[in-house]
Amino acid sequence: MQLRKLGNDIQISAVGLGYTGLSHAFGVPREKSKDARKIQAAYDNRVYFL
């Protein structure tokens, strides 16, 4: 995963994970365990911009 510099001291992943799909905004609330696995998978793949 490519990293990008944010400000002077912070590096974030070039790709981020948006949370909108994990909220109630798109219909029926989802299972929290599925959302937690999705967030963990993103972190495991060096997606640090959440």
Protein backbone atom coordinates (compact mmCIF):
# COMPACT_ATOMS: atom_id res chain seq x y z
CA MET A 1 0.00 0.00 0.00
CA GLN A 2 1.34 3.40 -0.89
CA LEU A 3 1.51 5.93 1.90
CA ARG A 4 0.92 9.67 1.64
CA LYS A 5 2.25 12.39 3.89
CA LEU A 6 -0.39 14.31 5.82
CA GLY A 7 0.94 17.46 7.43
CA ASN A 8 4.47 17.32 8.78
CA ASP A 9 4.62 14.07 10.73
CA ILE A 10 1.77 11.77 9.72
CA GLN A 11 1.62 9.18 6.95
CA ILE A 12 -1.67 7.62 5.87
CA SER A 13 -2.56 5.00 3.29
CA ALA A 14 -3.31 6.26 -0.21
CA VAL A 15 -6.59 4.31 -0.09
CA GLY A 16 -9.08 4.85 2.70
CA LEU A 17 -12.10 3.02 4.05
CA GLY A 18 -15.30 5.03 4.28
CA TYR A 19 -17.74 4.36 7.10
CA THR A 20 -20.94 5.52 5.39
CA GLY A 21 -21.82 1.99 4.29
CA LEU A 22 -21.39 0.78 7.86
CA SER A 23 -24.04 3.10 9.25
CA HIS A 24 -27.83 3.12 9.31
CA ALA A 25 -27.84 5.62 6.43
CA PHE A 26 -28.14 2.85 3.83
CA GLY A 27 -31.08 0.78 5.03
CA VAL A 28 -31.21 -1.95 7.63
CA PRO A 29 -28.44 -1.83 10.26
CA ARG A 30 -25.72 -4.40 9.66
CA GLU A 31 -24.23 -6.94 12.05
CA LYS A 32 -21.47 -5.29 14.07
CA SER A 33 -19.30 -8.41 13.84
CA LYS A 34 -19.27 -8.20 10.02
CA ASP A 35 -18.33 -4.52 10.18
CA ALA A 36 -15.56 -5.26 12.69
CA ARG A 37 -14.15 -7.95 10.38
CA LYS A 38 -14.22 -5.52 7.46
CA ILE A 39 -12.33 -2.88 9.47
CA GLN A 40 -9.81 -5.49 10.68
CA ALA A 41 -9.25 -6.71 7.10
CA ALA A 42 -8.59 -3.14 5.96
CA TYR A 43 -6.10 -2.61 8.78
CA ASP A 44 -4.39 -5.94 8.02
CA ASN A 45 -3.93 -4.72 4.44
CA ARG A 46 -2.31 -1.49 5.63
CA VAL A 47 -5.37 0.74 5.07
CA TYR A 48 -4.86 3.19 7.91
CA PHE A 49 -7.03 6.06 6.65
CA LEU A 50 -10.45 5.26 8.10
